[in-house]
């Protein structure tokens, strides 16, 4: 089954895969081929879908998009899950994703942990984050230096537990991505915790009674079937 490129950065950044300032569309084929196709925008339409990478994002691996090296062109990353929890990145050169996927992190996003992508320190390079879920609700971030992701460190705790739906976005407009949360249940509060570049602050209510029952909220870091 094909899957659209997953992307948790703020909407203003978009999916500029060739770096021309216009958002494009992409597709992960999944299955055994793992082909990644891109159709570029010319400002009035999307062109023909062309192969930019193969054997990337197969099985239950989770593919994402972000500008991980800060060059203005969005790249692709995959969380392999399983017991290794490797995070692989293939950089965009504007016409394709480079053929060799390299490991930028390991043991990140295993089991039912929920990975996410965002520029959490505001340096122009997208980082990776992780919602631990369960009862701890820890949120970890590993910052990008343009060639790899650093050590995952705790930026928040008890955020996104059980059936709560976490998401990523620059809610304050300061250039640093923050974390948000849809509570669901009976209160259906929407919380946000702002990034100061080194951690997320206290989660505060930004809205109430929003996204009830089967309603699908955005932005979100998990799929809702």
Protein backbone atom coordinates (compact mmCIF):
# COMPACT_ATOMS: atom_id res chain seq x y z
CA UNK A 1 0.00 0.00 0.00
CA UNK A 2 1.34 3.42 -0.93
CA UNK A 3 1.71 6.07 1.74
CA UNK A 4 2.01 9.81 1.39
CA UNK A 5 5.16 11.44 2.67
CA UNK A 6 4.69 12.00 6.38
CA UNK A 7 5.62 15.43 7.59
CA UNK A 8 5.21 17.05 10.99
CA UNK A 9 6.86 20.42 10.45
CA UNK A 10 4.96 23.68 10.40
CA UNK A 11 2.83 24.16 7.30
CA UNK A 12 4.77 27.23 6.16
CA UNK A 13 7.84 25.09 5.53
CA UNK A 14 6.03 22.58 3.38
CA UNK A 15 7.54 19.78 1.31
CA UNK A 16 9.97 21.65 -0.93
CA UNK A 17 11.77 18.64 -2.24
CA UNK A 18 13.74 20.47 -4.95
CA UNK A 19 14.18 23.68 -2.95
CA UNK A 20 12.43 26.07 -5.37
CA UNK A 21 9.98 27.42 -2.79
CA UNK A 22 6.97 25.53 -4.16
CA UNK A 23 5.58 22.57 -2.25
CA UNK A 24 5.65 19.25 -4.11
CA UNK A 25 3.99 15.87 -3.54
CA UNK A 26 5.65 12.57 -2.88
CA UNK A 27 4.74 8.96 -2.35
CA UNK A 28 6.19 5.92 -0.59
CA UNK A 29 5.18 2.77 -2.52
CA UNK A 30 5.80 0.49 0.48
CA UNK A 31 5.57 -3.28 -0.16
CA UNK A 32 8.85 -4.93 -1.19
CA UNK A 33 10.04 -2.32 -3.71
CA UNK A 34 10.06 0.64 -1.31
CA UNK A 35 10.03 3.07 -4.24
CA UNK A 36 9.77 6.78 -3.45
CA UNK A 37 8.15 8.93 -6.17
CA UNK A 38 8.04 12.72 -6.41
CA UNK A 39 5.84 14.97 -8.57
CA UNK A 40 7.16 18.54 -8.63
CA UNK A 41 4.95 21.63 -8.65
CA UNK A 42 5.37 24.26 -11.39
CA UNK A 43 2.97 26.62 -9.57
CA UNK A 44 -0.10 25.54 -11.55
CA UNK A 45 0.06 21.74 -11.43
CA UNK A 46 2.14 18.76 -10.34
CA UNK A 47 4.29 17.15 -13.00
CA UNK A 48 4.85 13.47 -13.72
CA UNK A 49 5.72 11.32 -10.74
CA UNK A 50 9.34 10.19 -11.06
CA UNK A 51 11.44 7.77 -9.04
CA UNK A 52 13.70 9.57 -6.55
CA UNK A 53 14.69 6.57 -4.41
CA UNK A 54 14.05 2.86 -4.04
CA UNK A 55 13.88 0.37 -1.16
CA UNK A 56 13.08 3.00 1.45
CA UNK A 57 10.22 2.68 3.93
CA UNK A 58 9.28 -0.97 3.56
CA UNK A 59 7.24 -3.20 5.85
CA UNK A 60 6.28 -1.38 9.05
CA UNK A 61 9.05 1.22 8.78
CA UNK A 62 7.81 4.80 9.25
CA UNK A 63 8.86 7.33 6.56
CA UNK A 64 9.02 11.08 7.22
CA UNK A 65 10.12 14.26 5.46
CA UNK A 66 12.25 17.14 6.73
CA UNK A 67 15.16 19.39 5.82
CA UNK A 68 17.63 17.57 7.99
CA UNK A 69 20.80 19.26 6.71
CA UNK A 70 19.34 22.76 6.42
CA UNK A 71 20.04 23.34 2.72
CA UNK A 72 16.47 24.36 1.83
CA UNK A 73 15.59 21.04 0.19
CA UNK A 74 13.48 18.52 2.08
CA UNK A 75 14.99 15.08 2.62
CA UNK A 76 13.50 11.73 3.65
CA UNK A 77 14.02 9.75 6.81
CA UNK A 78 12.79 6.37 7.94
CA UNK A 79 12.38 4.91 11.42
CA UNK A 80 13.04 1.18 11.06
CA UNK A 81 11.28 0.34 14.34
CA UNK A 82 11.70 -3.24 15.61
CA UNK A 83 14.46 -3.77 18.17
CA UNK A 84 17.17 -1.76 16.39
CA UNK A 85 15.20 1.47 16.11
CA UNK A 86 17.56 2.84 13.46
CA UNK A 87 16.85 6.22 11.85
CA UNK A 88 18.08 6.43 8.24
CA UNK A 89 18.28 9.60 6.12
CA UNK A 90 18.52 10.10 2.35
CA UNK A 91 19.30 13.70 1.40
CA UNK A 92 17.74 15.52 -1.56
CA UNK A 93 20.00 17.02 -4.24
CA UNK A 94 16.99 18.67 -5.88
CA UNK A 95 16.50 15.95 -8.48
CA UNK A 96 16.57 12.79 -6.39
CA UNK A 97 17.24 11.45 -2.92
CA UNK A 98 20.84 10.31 -2.82
CA UNK A 99 21.14 6.62 -3.46
CA UNK A 100 22.87 5.71 -0.21
CA UNK A 101 20.74 5.97 2.91
CA UNK A 102 22.88 6.61 5.98
CA UNK A 103 22.23 5.94 9.65
CA UNK A 104 21.80 9.17 11.60
CA UNK A 105 20.63 7.59 14.88
CA UNK A 106 19.88 4.24 16.47
CA UNK A 107 17.45 2.89 19.06
CA UNK A 108 14.97 5.72 18.60
CA UNK A 109 11.28 5.02 18.05
CA UNK A 110 10.99 1.37 19.08
CA UNK A 111 7.86 -0.54 20.06
CA UNK A 112 4.82 1.75 20.26
CA UNK A 113 6.86 4.94 20.69
CA UNK A 114 5.68 7.70 18.33
CA UNK A 115 8.41 9.51 16.32
CA UNK A 116 8.02 13.04 14.96
CA UNK A 117 10.02 15.59 12.95
CA UNK A 118 10.42 19.31 13.61
CA UNK A 119 12.96 22.11 13.94
CA UNK A 120 12.79 22.21 17.71
CA UNK A 121 15.78 24.49 18.33
CA UNK A 122 15.07 26.84 15.41
CA UNK A 123 18.44 26.48 13.65
CA UNK A 124 16.96 25.68 10.22
CA UNK A 125 17.71 21.96 10.44
CA UNK A 126 14.92 19.53 11.23
CA UNK A 127 15.39 17.34 14.29
CA UNK A 128 13.66 14.18 15.46
CA UNK A 129 11.40 13.81 18.47
CA UNK A 130 9.76 10.96 20.27
CA UNK A 131 6.59 10.55 22.30
CA UNK A 132 7.12 7.63 24.71
CA UNK A 133 3.38 7.23 25.36
CA UNK A 134 2.35 4.75 28.04
CA UNK A 135 2.10 6.21 31.55
CA UNK A 136 5.33 8.24 31.56
CA UNK A 137 4.47 10.42 28.55
CA UNK A 138 8.14 11.37 28.11
CA UNK A 139 9.03 13.47 25.07
CA UNK A 140 12.60 13.12 23.79
CA UNK A 141 14.40 15.21 21.17
CA UNK A 142 17.58 14.45 19.20
CA UNK A 143 18.95 17.55 17.46
CA UNK A 144 20.43 17.53 13.96
CA UNK A 145 23.91 18.91 13.28
CA UNK A 146 23.42 18.50 9.53
CA UNK A 147 25.13 15.11 9.34
CA UNK A 148 23.54 13.14 12.18
CA UNK A 149 21.11 13.35 15.08
CA UNK A 150 22.62 13.78 18.53
CA UNK A 151 21.74 12.03 21.76
CA UNK A 152 18.04 11.90 22.57
CA UNK A 153 17.35 14.05 25.64
CA UNK A 154 14.23 14.56 27.73
CA UNK A 155 12.42 17.79 26.78
CA UNK A 156 9.06 17.15 28.51
CA UNK A 157 7.32 14.50 30.59
CA UNK A 158 3.75 13.30 31.00
CA UNK A 159 2.66 14.62 27.61
CA UNK A 160 0.77 12.42 25.17
CA UNK A 161 -0.18 9.47 27.37
CA UNK A 162 -2.59 6.64 26.62
CA UNK A 163 -5.07 7.69 23.86
CA UNK A 164 -4.09 11.39 23.76
CA UNK A 165 -3.06 12.55 20.29
CA UNK A 166 0.24 14.50 20.10
CA UNK A 167 1.32 16.79 17.26
CA UNK A 168 4.08 19.17 16.15
CA UNK A 169 3.86 22.79 15.01
CA UNK A 170 5.32 26.26 15.49
CA UNK A 171 2.34 27.50 17.45
CA UNK A 172 4.04 30.65 18.77
CA UNK A 173 5.55 31.66 15.41
CA UNK A 174 9.08 32.09 16.77
CA UNK A 175 10.75 29.67 14.34
CA UNK A 176 10.97 26.82 16.84
CA UNK A 177 8.57 23.89 16.62
CA UNK A 178 6.46 23.19 19.69
CA UNK A 179 4.36 20.21 20.79
CA UNK A 180 0.60 20.06 21.00
CA UNK A 181 -1.90 17.62 22.38
CA UNK A 182 -5.55 16.68 21.78
CA UNK A 183 -6.92 15.27 25.04
CA UNK A 184 -10.01 13.53 23.60
CA UNK A 185 -12.27 11.99 26.26
CA UNK A 186 -14.94 14.25 27.78
CA UNK A 187 -13.00 17.53 28.12
CA UNK A 188 -11.39 17.41 24.64
CA UNK A 189 -8.86 20.08 25.63
CA UNK A 190 -6.10 21.11 23.24
CA UNK A 191 -2.79 21.78 24.99
CA UNK A 192 0.43 23.34 23.70
CA UNK A 193 3.91 23.35 25.19
CA UNK A 194 6.30 25.87 23.64
CA UNK A 195 9.95 25.21 22.83
CA UNK A 196 12.68 27.50 24.15
CA UNK A 197 15.28 25.71 22.03
CA UNK A 198 16.40 23.36 24.79
CA UNK A 199 13.14 22.03 26.23
CA UNK A 200 9.36 22.27 26.01
CA UNK A 201 7.60 24.35 28.66
CA UNK A 202 4.52 23.52 30.66
CA UNK A 203 1.55 22.34 28.64
CA UNK A 204 -1.26 24.90 28.79
CA UNK A 205 -4.81 24.79 27.42
CA UNK A 206 -5.11 26.64 24.10
CA UNK A 207 -8.63 25.38 23.25
CA UNK A 208 -11.38 23.19 24.67
CA UNK A 209 -13.98 20.86 23.24
CA UNK A 210 -12.14 20.40 19.95
CA UNK A 211 -11.88 17.05 18.11
CA UNK A 212 -14.44 14.83 19.80
CA UNK A 213 -15.35 11.22 19.17
CA UNK A 214 -14.21 10.20 15.66
CA UNK A 215 -13.16 13.69 14.53
CA UNK A 216 -9.62 13.78 13.12
CA UNK A 217 -7.38 16.59 14.44
CA UNK A 218 -4.40 18.27 12.78
CA UNK A 219 -1.49 18.49 13.18
CA UNK A 220 -1.01 15.02 14.62
CA UNK A 221 1.93 12.66 15.02
CA UNK A 222 -0.08 9.45 14.81
CA UNK A 223 -2.35 7.94 12.21
CA UNK A 224 -6.05 7.64 12.91
CA UNK A 225 -7.75 4.81 11.08
